[in-house]
C-alpha atoms as a PDB file:
ATOM      1  CA  MET A   1     -31.367 -29.216 -44.710  1.00  0.00           C
ATOM      2  CA  HIS A   2     -33.908 -28.625 -47.455  1.00  0.00           C
ATOM      3  CA  THR A   3     -37.534 -29.665 -47.552  1.00  0.00           C
ATOM      4  CA  ARG A   4     -39.600 -29.665 -50.732  1.00  0.00           C
ATOM      5  CA  LEU A   5     -43.372 -29.469 -50.461  1.00  0.00           C
ATOM      6  CA  LEU A   6     -45.701 -30.124 -53.385  1.00  0.00           C
ATOM      7  CA  ALA A   7     -49.418 -29.342 -53.692  1.00  0.00           C
ATOM      8  CA  LEU A   8     -52.141 -28.605 -56.250  1.00  0.00           C
ATOM      9  CA  ALA A   9     -54.143 -25.369 -56.334  1.00  0.00           C
ATOM     10  CA  ALA A  10     -56.107 -22.948 -58.524  1.00  0.00           C
ATOM     11  CA  LEU A  11     -54.796 -19.621 -59.805  1.00  0.00           C
ATOM     12  CA  VAL A  12     -56.368 -16.223 -59.192  1.00  0.00           C
ATOM     13  CA  SER A  13     -55.433 -12.592 -59.721  1.00  0.00           C
ATOM     14  CA  SER A  14     -55.644  -9.554 -57.451  1.00  0.00           C
ATOM     15  CA  THR A  15     -56.362  -5.881 -58.044  1.00  0.00           C
ATOM     16  CA  ALA A  16     -54.555  -3.021 -56.311  1.00  0.00           C
ATOM     17  CA  ALA A  17     -56.304   0.051 -54.872  1.00  0.00           C
ATOM     18  CA  THR A  18     -54.889   3.401 -53.844  1.00  0.00           C
ATOM     19  CA  ALA A  19     -54.981   5.013 -50.415  1.00  0.00           C
ATOM     20  CA  ALA A  20     -54.682   8.650 -49.339  1.00  0.00           C
ATOM     21  CA  PRO A  21     -51.587   9.660 -47.343  1.00  0.00           C
ATOM     22  CA  GLU A  22     -52.016   9.998 -43.582  1.00  0.00           C
ATOM     23  CA  ALA A  23     -50.152  12.158 -41.072  1.00  0.00           C
ATOM     24  CA  ALA A  24     -47.519  10.205 -39.174  1.00  0.00           C
ATOM     25  CA  LEU A  25     -48.461   9.083 -35.670  1.00  0.00           C
ATOM     26  CA  GLN A  26     -46.151  10.307 -32.937  1.00  0.00           C
ATOM     27  CA  PRO A  27     -44.880   7.839 -30.289  1.00  0.00           C
ATOM     28  CA  THR A  28     -46.430   8.044 -26.846  1.00  0.00           C
ATOM     29  CA  GLY A  29     -43.783   5.911 -25.156  1.00  0.00           C
ATOM     30  CA  LYS A  30     -40.123   4.962 -25.369  1.00  0.00           C
ATOM     31  CA  TRP A  31     -38.622   1.993 -27.167  1.00  0.00           C
ATOM     32  CA  VAL A  32     -38.600  -1.067 -24.909  1.00  0.00           C
ATOM     33  CA  VAL A  33     -36.188  -3.874 -25.851  1.00  0.00           C
ATOM     34  CA  ASN A  34     -36.857  -7.337 -24.443  1.00  0.00           C
ATOM     35  CA  PHE A  35     -33.708  -9.469 -24.189  1.00  0.00           C
ATOM     36  CA  ALA A  36     -35.645 -12.750 -24.024  1.00  0.00           C
ATOM     37  CA  ASP A  37     -34.164 -16.261 -23.781  1.00  0.00           C
ATOM     38  CA  ALA A  38     -34.801 -17.071 -27.427  1.00  0.00           C
ATOM     39  CA  GLN A  39     -35.623 -13.817 -29.218  1.00  0.00           C
ATOM     40  CA  CYS A  40     -34.941 -10.080 -29.299  1.00  0.00           C
ATOM     41  CA  ILE A  41     -38.007  -7.833 -29.503  1.00  0.00           C
ATOM     42  CA  ALA A  42     -38.391  -4.039 -29.413  1.00  0.00           C
ATOM     43  CA  THR A  43     -41.779  -2.348 -28.965  1.00  0.00           C
ATOM     44  CA  ARG A  44     -43.019   1.233 -28.856  1.00  0.00           C
ATOM     45  CA  ASN A  45     -46.509   2.516 -28.131  1.00  0.00           C
ATOM     46  CA  TYR A  46     -48.188   4.965 -30.512  1.00  0.00           C
ATOM     47  CA  GLY A  47     -51.570   4.852 -28.807  1.00  0.00           C
ATOM     48  CA  THR A  48     -52.767   5.326 -25.259  1.00  0.00           C
ATOM     49  CA  GLU A  49     -52.489   3.143 -22.186  1.00  0.00           C
ATOM     50  CA  THR A  50     -56.085   1.968 -22.614  1.00  0.00           C
ATOM     51  CA  ASP A  51     -56.020   1.809 -26.421  1.00  0.00           C
ATOM     52  CA  PRO A  52     -52.427   0.945 -27.385  1.00  0.00           C
ATOM     53  CA  LEU A  53     -50.984   0.694 -30.865  1.00  0.00           C
ATOM     54  CA  TYR A  54     -47.559  -0.947 -30.821  1.00  0.00           C
ATOM     55  CA  LEU A  55     -44.843  -0.862 -33.439  1.00  0.00           C
ATOM     56  CA  MET A  56     -42.751  -4.015 -32.949  1.00  0.00           C
ATOM     57  CA  LEU A  57     -39.408  -5.178 -34.317  1.00  0.00           C
ATOM     58  CA  LYS A  58     -38.119  -8.725 -33.900  1.00  0.00           C
ATOM     59  CA  ALA A  59     -34.518  -9.604 -34.778  1.00  0.00           C
ATOM     60  CA  PRO A  60     -33.461 -13.237 -35.371  1.00  0.00           C
ATOM     61  CA  ALA A  61     -30.445 -14.807 -33.693  1.00  0.00           C
ATOM     62  CA  VAL A  62     -28.820 -15.183 -37.121  1.00  0.00           C
ATOM     63  CA  GLY A  63     -29.401 -13.187 -40.303  1.00  0.00           C
ATOM     64  CA  ASP A  64     -29.962  -9.570 -41.291  1.00  0.00           C
ATOM     65  CA  THR A  65     -33.751  -9.589 -41.527  1.00  0.00           C
ATOM     66  CA  ILE A  66     -36.182  -7.816 -39.227  1.00  0.00           C
ATOM     67  CA  GLN A  67     -39.782  -8.780 -38.574  1.00  0.00           C
ATOM     68  CA  LEU A  68     -41.905  -5.645 -38.431  1.00  0.00           C
ATOM     69  CA  GLY A  69     -45.228  -5.817 -36.593  1.00  0.00           C
ATOM     70  CA  PHE A  70     -48.184  -3.576 -35.839  1.00  0.00           C
ATOM     71  CA  ILE A  71     -50.310  -4.618 -32.855  1.00  0.00           C
ATOM     72  CA  ARG A  72     -53.689  -3.185 -31.821  1.00  0.00           C
ATOM     73  CA  LYS A  73     -56.530  -4.075 -29.501  1.00  0.00           C
ATOM     74  CA  GLY A  74     -58.989  -6.511 -31.040  1.00  0.00           C
ATOM     75  CA  GLY A  75     -60.553  -9.934 -30.952  1.00  0.00           C
ATOM     76  CA  LYS A  76     -60.337 -13.148 -32.924  1.00  0.00           C
ATOM     77  CA  LEU A  77     -59.569 -12.748 -36.616  1.00  0.00           C
ATOM     78  CA  ASP A  78     -58.824 -15.587 -38.994  1.00  0.00           C
ATOM     79  CA  ALA A  79     -55.457 -15.153 -40.657  1.00  0.00           C
ATOM     80  CA  ASN A  80     -55.533 -12.973 -43.771  1.00  0.00           C
ATOM     81  CA  GLN A  81     -52.817 -12.164 -46.270  1.00  0.00           C
ATOM     82  CA  LEU A  82     -52.847  -8.508 -47.301  1.00  0.00           C
ATOM     83  CA  GLU A  83     -50.957  -7.164 -50.291  1.00  0.00           C
ATOM     84  CA  GLY A  84     -49.457  -3.714 -49.843  1.00  0.00           C
ATOM     85  CA  GLU A  85     -46.276  -1.712 -49.594  1.00  0.00           C
ATOM     86  CA  ILE A  86     -43.909  -0.061 -47.125  1.00  0.00           C
ATOM     87  CA  VAL A  87     -42.308   3.354 -47.574  1.00  0.00           C
ATOM     88  CA  PHE A  88     -39.328   4.694 -45.598  1.00  0.00           C
ATOM     89  CA  ASP A  89     -39.384   8.509 -45.722  1.00  0.00           C
ATOM     90  CA  ASP A  90     -39.469   9.620 -49.366  1.00  0.00           C
ATOM     91  CA  ALA A  91     -37.836   6.487 -50.779  1.00  0.00           C
ATOM     92  CA  PRO A  92     -39.667   4.534 -53.491  1.00  0.00           C
ATOM     93  CA  PRO A  93     -42.235   2.149 -51.972  1.00  0.00           C
ATOM     94  CA  PHE A  94     -41.607  -1.582 -52.134  1.00  0.00           C
ATOM     95  CA  ARG A  95     -44.374  -4.105 -52.544  1.00  0.00           C
ATOM     96  CA  THR A  96     -44.765  -6.804 -49.937  1.00  0.00           C
ATOM     97  CA  SER A  97     -47.391  -8.954 -48.269  1.00  0.00           C
ATOM     98  CA  PHE A  98     -48.573  -8.765 -44.659  1.00  0.00           C
ATOM     99  CA  LEU A  99     -49.963 -11.468 -42.434  1.00  0.00           C
ATOM    100  CA  GLU A 100     -52.895 -10.236 -40.335  1.00  0.00           C
ATOM    101  CA  PHE A 101     -54.539 -12.176 -37.508  1.00  0.00           C
ATOM    102  CA  GLY A 102     -56.268 -11.713 -34.162  1.00  0.00           C
ATOM    103  CA  VAL A 103     -55.993 -13.650 -30.886  1.00  0.00           C
ATOM    104  CA  LYS A 104     -59.106 -13.398 -28.703  1.00  0.00           C
ATOM    105  CA  SER A 105     -57.396 -14.598 -25.510  1.00  0.00           C
ATOM    106  CA  MET A 106     -54.801 -11.809 -25.823  1.00  0.00           C
ATOM    107  CA  GLY A 107     -57.277  -9.181 -26.997  1.00  0.00           C
ATOM    108  CA  GLN A 108     -54.947  -8.235 -29.865  1.00  0.00           C
ATOM    109  CA  ARG A 109     -54.854  -8.022 -33.627  1.00  0.00           C
ATOM    110  CA  ALA A 110     -51.588  -7.808 -35.495  1.00  0.00           C
ATOM    111  CA  ARG A 111     -50.010  -7.365 -38.907  1.00  0.00           C
ATOM    112  CA  PHE A 112     -46.520  -8.670 -39.584  1.00  0.00           C
ATOM    113  CA  VAL A 113     -44.074  -8.456 -42.451  1.00  0.00           C
ATOM    114  CA  THR A 114     -40.495  -9.730 -42.786  1.00  0.00           C
ATOM    115  CA  LEU A 115     -38.008  -7.214 -44.157  1.00  0.00           C
ATOM    116  CA  ALA A 116     -35.000  -8.456 -46.122  1.00  0.00           C
ATOM    117  CA  ALA A 117     -31.483  -7.178 -45.449  1.00  0.00           C
ATOM    118  CA  LYS A 118     -31.611  -4.417 -48.089  1.00  0.00           C
ATOM    119  CA  ASP A 119     -34.856  -3.114 -46.596  1.00  0.00           C
ATOM    120  CA  VAL A 120     -33.454  -3.178 -43.063  1.00  0.00           C
ATOM    121  CA  ALA A 121     -30.603  -0.964 -44.291  1.00  0.00           C
ATOM    122  CA  SER A 122     -33.158   1.530 -45.642  1.00  0.00           C
ATOM    123  CA  MET A 123     -34.987   1.536 -42.320  1.00  0.00           C
ATOM    124  CA  ARG A 124     -31.857   2.400 -40.329  1.00  0.00           C
ATOM    125  CA  GLN A 125     -31.982   6.124 -41.168  1.00  0.00           C
ATOM    126  CA  ALA A 126     -35.751   6.402 -41.574  1.00  0.00           C
ATOM    127  CA  LYS A 127     -37.755   9.107 -39.828  1.00  0.00           C
ATOM    128  CA  THR A 128     -41.147   7.846 -40.998  1.00  0.00           C
ATOM    129  CA  ILE A 129     -42.474   4.375 -41.784  1.00  0.00           C
ATOM    130  CA  ARG A 130     -45.621   4.239 -43.907  1.00  0.00           C
ATOM    131  CA  VAL A 131     -47.581   1.021 -44.289  1.00  0.00           C
ATOM    132  CA  ARG A 132     -50.100   0.903 -47.119  1.00  0.00           C
ATOM    133  CA  VAL A 133     -52.616  -1.850 -47.696  1.00  0.00           C
ATOM    134  CA  ARG A 134     -53.595  -1.820 -51.345  1.00  0.00           C
ATOM    135  CA  GLU A 135     -55.548  -5.033 -51.722  1.00  0.00           C
ATOM    136  CA  LYS A 136     -59.082  -4.582 -53.038  1.00  0.00           C
ATOM    137  CA  GLY A 137     -60.164  -8.181 -52.482  1.00  0.00           C
ATOM    138  CA  ILE A 138     -58.851 -10.018 -49.417  1.00  0.00           C
ATOM    139  CA  GLU A 139     -59.294 -13.776 -49.255  1.00  0.00           C
ATOM    140  CA  ARG A 140     -59.503 -15.670 -45.990  1.00  0.00           C
ATOM    141  CA  LEU A 141     -56.841 -18.315 -45.395  1.00  0.00           C
ATOM    142  CA  GLY A 142     -58.173 -21.773 -46.104  1.00  0.00           C
ATOM    143  CA  THR A 143     -61.161 -20.632 -48.160  1.00  0.00           C
ATOM    144  CA  ARG A 144     -61.998 -19.154 -51.556  1.00  0.00           C
ATOM    145  CA  PHE A 145     -64.417 -16.509 -50.291  1.00  0.00           C
ATOM    146  CA  GLY A 146     -63.494 -12.814 -50.310  1.00  0.00           C
ATOM    147  CA  LEU A 147     -63.671 -10.563 -47.271  1.00  0.00           C
ATOM    148  CA  GLY A 148     -64.379  -7.346 -49.180  1.00  0.00           C
ATOM    149  CA  GLN A 149     -62.287  -4.229 -49.524  1.00  0.00           C
ATOM    150  CA  ALA A 150     -59.415  -3.478 -47.144  1.00  0.00           C
ATOM    151  CA  THR A 151     -57.427  -0.356 -47.938  1.00  0.00           C
ATOM    152  CA  GLY A 152     -55.677   2.374 -45.998  1.00  0.00           C
ATOM    153  CA  GLU A 153     -52.408   3.643 -44.640  1.00  0.00           C
ATOM    154  CA  ASP A 154     -50.712   3.759 -41.254  1.00  0.00           C
ATOM    155  CA  ALA A 155     -47.752   6.102 -40.766  1.00  0.00           C
ATOM    156  CA  PHE A 156     -45.352   6.071 -37.816  1.00  0.00           C
ATOM    157  CA  ALA A 157     -42.826   8.760 -36.899  1.00  0.00           C
ATOM    158  CA  VAL A 158     -39.699   6.934 -35.715  1.00  0.00           C
ATOM    159  CA  THR A 159     -36.633   8.160 -33.860  1.00  0.00           C
ATOM    160  CA  SER A 160     -33.347   6.669 -32.677  1.00  0.00           C
ATOM    161  CA  MET A 161     -33.417   3.893 -35.279  1.00  0.00           C
ATOM    162  CA  PRO A 162     -29.586   3.530 -35.526  1.00  0.00           C
ATOM    163  CA  ALA A 163     -29.331   3.212 -31.717  1.00  0.00           C
ATOM    164  CA  LEU A 164     -32.301   0.824 -31.584  1.00  0.00           C
ATOM    165  CA  LEU A 165     -30.916  -1.470 -34.282  1.00  0.00           C
ATOM    166  CA  SER A 166     -27.530  -1.385 -32.551  1.00  0.00           C
ATOM    167  CA  THR A 167     -29.178  -2.499 -29.300  1.00  0.00           C
ATOM    168  CA  LEU A 168     -30.991  -5.282 -31.109  1.00  0.00           C
ATOM    169  CA  GLY A 169     -27.634  -6.271 -32.593  1.00  0.00           C
ATOM    170  CA  THR A 170     -26.185  -6.581 -29.087  1.00  0.00           C
ATOM    171  CA  CYS A 171     -29.153  -8.728 -28.105  1.00  0.00           C
ATOM    172  CA  THR A 172     -28.763 -11.060 -31.088  1.00  0.00           C
ATOM    173  CA  ALA A 173     -25.015 -11.376 -30.389  1.00  0.00           C
ATOM    174  CA  ASP A 174     -25.964 -12.675 -26.929  1.00  0.00           C
ATOM    175  CA  LEU A 175     -28.367 -15.140 -28.543  1.00  0.00           C
ATOM    176  CA  ARG A 176     -25.630 -16.445 -30.824  1.00  0.00           C
ATOM    177  CA  ARG A 177     -23.386 -17.106 -27.831  1.00  0.00           C
ATOM    178  CA  ILE A 178     -26.150 -19.077 -26.123  1.00  0.00           C
ATOM    179  CA  TRP A 179     -27.619 -20.796 -29.182  1.00  0.00           C
ATOM    180  CA  LYS A 180     -24.553 -22.165 -30.954  1.00  0.00           C
ATOM    181  CA  VAL A 181     -24.881 -21.915 -34.704  1.00  0.00           C
ATOM    182  CA  TRP A 182     -24.693 -25.065 -36.802  1.00  0.00           C
ATOM    183  CA  THR A 183     -24.654 -25.220 -40.604  1.00  0.00           C
ATOM    184  CA  GLU A 184     -24.662 -28.293 -42.827  1.00  0.00           C
ATOM    185  CA  GLU A 185     -21.713 -26.920 -44.818  1.00  0.00           C
ATOM    186  CA  LYS A 186     -19.411 -25.667 -42.046  1.00  0.00           C
ATOM    187  CA  GLY A 187     -20.704 -27.437 -38.953  1.00  0.00           C
ATOM    188  CA  GLY A 188     -20.219 -25.583 -35.679  1.00  0.00           C
ATOM    189  CA  SER A 189     -17.016 -24.687 -33.835  1.00  0.00           C
ATOM    190  CA  GLU A 190     -18.596 -25.416 -30.440  1.00  0.00           C
ATOM    191  CA  LEU A 191     -20.596 -28.489 -31.410  1.00  0.00           C
ATOM    192  CA  LYS A 192     -19.752 -32.079 -32.316  1.00  0.00           C
ATOM    193  CA  GLU A 193     -23.092 -32.608 -34.041  1.00  0.00           C
ATOM    194  CA  GLY A 194     -25.882 -30.333 -35.137  1.00  0.00           C
ATOM    195  CA  PRO A 195     -29.606 -30.840 -34.528  1.00  0.00           C
ATOM    196  CA  SER A 196     -31.522 -32.979 -36.983  1.00  0.00           C
ATOM    197  CA  ALA A 197     -35.149 -33.587 -37.878  1.00  0.00           C
ATOM    198  CA  ASN A 198     -37.052 -35.186 -40.751  1.00  0.00           C
ATOM    199  CA  LEU A 199     -39.059 -32.179 -41.934  1.00  0.00           C
ATOM    200  CA  ALA A 200     -40.004 -33.917 -45.182  1.00  0.00           C
ATOM    201  CA  GLN A 201     -42.382 -36.113 -43.178  1.00  0.00           C
ATOM    202  CA  LEU A 202     -43.569 -33.183 -41.071  1.00  0.00           C
ATOM    203  CA  PHE A 203     -45.104 -31.179 -43.929  1.00  0.00           C
ATOM    204  CA  SER A 204     -48.039 -32.341 -46.027  1.00  0.00           C
ATOM    205  CA  PRO A 205     -49.963 -30.822 -48.973  1.00  0.00           C
ATOM    206  CA  ASP A 206     -52.736 -29.952 -46.495  1.00  0.00           C
ATOM    207  CA  ASP A 207     -50.340 -27.469 -44.875  1.00  0.00           C
ATOM    208  CA  TYR A 208     -50.258 -25.308 -48.005  1.00  0.00           C
ATOM    209  CA  PRO A 209     -51.863 -21.971 -46.968  1.00  0.00           C
ATOM    210  CA  GLY A 210     -55.251 -21.678 -48.622  1.00  0.00           C
ATOM    211  CA  ILE A 211     -54.779 -18.085 -49.729  1.00  0.00           C
ATOM    212  CA  ALA A 212     -51.383 -18.802 -51.312  1.00  0.00           C
ATOM    213  CA  ALA A 213     -52.815 -21.815 -53.099  1.00  0.00           C
ATOM    214  CA  LEU A 214     -55.791 -19.779 -54.278  1.00  0.00           C
ATOM    215  CA  ARG A 215     -53.489 -17.140 -55.756  1.00  0.00           C
ATOM    216  CA  GLY A 216     -51.067 -19.632 -57.240  1.00  0.00           C
ATOM    217  CA  GLN A 217     -48.239 -18.348 -55.046  1.00  0.00           C
ATOM    218  CA  SER A 218     -45.073 -20.312 -54.344  1.00  0.00           C
ATOM    219  CA  GLY A 219     -41.626 -19.565 -52.974  1.00  0.00           C
ATOM    220  CA  ARG A 220     -38.622 -20.543 -50.909  1.00  0.00           C
ATOM    221  CA  VAL A 221     -38.409 -19.596 -47.230  1.00  0.00           C
ATOM    222  CA  SER A 222     -35.163 -19.686 -45.250  1.00  0.00           C
ATOM    223  CA  LEU A 223     -35.445 -19.956 -41.479  1.00  0.00           C
ATOM    224  CA  VAL A 224     -33.295 -20.094 -38.382  1.00  0.00           C
ATOM    225  CA  VAL A 225     -34.649 -22.529 -35.797  1.00  0.00           C
ATOM    226  CA  LEU A 226     -33.515 -22.480 -32.169  1.00  0.00           C
ATOM    227  CA  VAL A 227     -33.460 -26.009 -30.733  1.00  0.00           C
ATOM    228  CA  ASP A 228     -32.939 -26.602 -27.005  1.00  0.00           C
ATOM    229  CA  GLU A 229     -31.189 -29.476 -25.215  1.00  0.00           C
ATOM    230  CA  GLN A 230     -34.382 -31.574 -25.276  1.00  0.00           C
ATOM    231  CA  GLY A 231     -34.838 -31.139 -29.018  1.00  0.00           C
ATOM    232  CA  LYS A 232     -37.761 -28.717 -28.622  1.00  0.00           C
ATOM    233  CA  VAL A 233     -38.139 -25.712 -30.899  1.00  0.00           C
ATOM    234  CA  ALA A 234     -37.660 -22.580 -28.808  1.00  0.00           C
ATOM    235  CA  ASP A 235     -38.070 -20.135 -31.685  1.00  0.00           C
ATOM    236  CA  CYS A 236     -38.363 -19.993 -35.454  1.00  0.00           C
ATOM    237  CA  THR A 237     -37.682 -16.831 -37.463  1.00  0.00           C
ATOM    238  CA  VAL A 238     -37.693 -16.122 -41.198  1.00  0.00           C
ATOM    239  CA  ILE A 239     -34.295 -14.854 -42.379  1.00  0.00           C
ATOM    240  CA  GLU A 240     -34.955 -14.943 -46.153  1.00  0.00           C
ATOM    241  CA  PRO A 241     -38.629 -14.299 -46.886  1.00  0.00           C
ATOM    242  CA  SER A 242     -40.375 -15.802 -49.880  1.00  0.00           C
ATOM    243  CA  GLY A 243     -42.281 -12.587 -50.555  1.00  0.00           C
ATOM    244  CA  VAL A 244     -45.516 -14.331 -49.599  1.00  0.00           C
ATOM    245  CA  ALA A 245     -46.447 -13.702 -45.964  1.00  0.00           C
ATOM    246  CA  SER A 246     -48.651 -16.778 -45.553  1.00  0.00           C
ATOM    247  CA  LEU A 247     -45.889 -19.121 -46.775  1.00  0.00           C
ATOM    248  CA  ASP A 248     -43.371 -17.540 -44.397  1.00  0.00           C
ATOM    249  CA  ALA A 249     -45.711 -17.765 -41.410  1.00  0.00           C
ATOM    250  CA  GLN A 250     -46.892 -21.284 -42.191  1.00  0.00           C
ATOM    251  CA  SER A 251     -43.314 -22.563 -42.447  1.00  0.00           C
ATOM    252  CA  CYS A 252     -42.550 -21.566 -38.865  1.00  0.00           C
ATOM    253  CA  ALA A 253     -46.025 -22.524 -37.618  1.00  0.00           C
ATOM    254  CA  VAL A 254     -45.681 -26.118 -38.823  1.00  0.00           C
ATOM    255  CA  ILE A 255     -42.139 -26.451 -37.464  1.00  0.00           C
ATOM    256  CA  LYS A 256     -42.974 -24.972 -34.062  1.00  0.00           C
ATOM    257  CA  GLN A 257     -46.083 -27.094 -33.699  1.00  0.00           C
ATOM    258  CA  GLY A 258     -44.833 -30.479 -34.809  1.00  0.00           C
ATOM    259  CA  ALA A 259     -41.068 -30.694 -35.385  1.00  0.00           C
ATOM    260  CA  LYS A 260     -39.212 -33.300 -33.300  1.00  0.00           C
ATOM    261  CA  TYR A 261     -35.493 -32.617 -33.357  1.00  0.00           C
ATOM    262  CA  LYS A 262     -32.592 -34.691 -32.191  1.00  0.00           C
ATOM    263  CA  PRO A 263     -30.665 -32.088 -30.182  1.00  0.00           C
ATOM    264  CA  ALA A 264     -27.163 -30.946 -31.023  1.00  0.00           C
ATOM    265  CA  ILE A 265     -24.208 -32.479 -29.185  1.00  0.00           C
ATOM    266  CA  GLY A 266     -21.631 -30.182 -27.595  1.00  0.00           C
ATOM    267  CA  LEU A 267     -17.879 -30.714 -27.380  1.00  0.00           C
ATOM    268  CA  ASP A 268     -18.435 -32.259 -23.936  1.00  0.00           C
ATOM    269  CA  GLY A 269     -20.639 -34.951 -25.473  1.00  0.00           C
ATOM    270  CA  LYS A 270     -23.826 -33.603 -23.878  1.00  0.00           C
ATOM    271  CA  PRO A 271     -26.970 -32.270 -25.586  1.00  0.00           C
ATOM    272  CA  ALA A 272     -26.601 -28.560 -26.338  1.00  0.00           C
ATOM    273  CA  LYS A 273     -28.645 -25.598 -27.493  1.00  0.00           C
ATOM    274  CA  SER A 274     -28.212 -24.779 -31.139  1.00  0.00           C
ATOM    275  CA  ALA A 275     -29.353 -22.528 -33.981  1.00  0.00           C
ATOM    276  CA  ALA A 276     -29.965 -24.393 -37.231  1.00  0.00           C
ATOM    277  CA  PHE A 277     -30.787 -23.170 -40.736  1.00  0.00           C
ATOM    278  CA  GLN A 278     -33.723 -24.658 -42.640  1.00  0.00           C
ATOM    279  CA  SER A 279     -35.176 -23.989 -46.074  1.00  0.00           C
ATOM    280  CA  ILE A 280     -38.743 -24.799 -47.061  1.00  0.00           C
ATOM    281  CA  ILE A 281     -39.750 -24.779 -50.727  1.00  0.00           C
ATOM    282  CA  TRP A 282     -43.465 -24.312 -51.416  1.00  0.00           C
ATOM    283  CA  LYS A 283     -44.333 -25.275 -54.969  1.00  0.00           C
ATOM    284  CA  MET A 284     -47.480 -26.270 -56.821  1.00  0.00           C
ATOM    285  CA  PHE A 285     -47.876 -28.544 -59.826  1.00  0.00           C
END
């Protein structure tokens, strides 16, 4: 199912800044993998018990991507899109964009980025992950006002990555058994019908992220959406990122907040859990 979203916006440019290398932080705890009902998440602390700094990996039920997150203590922070790059060991850096936000009720601030399959392969043997923010002017989502300079680097020493990714693979295999996959082209071997929803009516031009509109950014986001027996969205994960963090995040945010699905139907004729693919195209004219 494909949804096309159109909007009008202004164009801007950004300027990169350099950051000095930092020594890699050493982990202060072990990897903890959460085999949740609708997602697979691994976390590891690089801070202290009272001042934690978590490295987080989230694997989708379907697809080869990994969502990489960095979570610290903090308060409310309006969502920002930061331009930067990630470096695995001594490999060439690759440019990407991060979504940064803070939740006051949780006392946390986080940065997230979705890694494509080729980047996940590079991470498998990595000993160090470096995250560089190289954006000189950061705009706030939904506004045209800058937030000033935001530069720097975080470096994490990582161990046991092949074993960790293997464990996450076991977790996602369990998810696929529970959330039966449905595709428009092939259907599903354990389903009579897949889930359905009219996403074209769900999205509106007002949903276009302000910072992406301000920068003239567009792209196509592919998602896997987990839909339960009642038609509710249990999880939404990017499996093919657009390269623009705000577009990726907004796609799932709109779907999780407002999508009303007709649930899938199993071979027994009853509503069933399912995993469905969706594509959202963000484009401006």
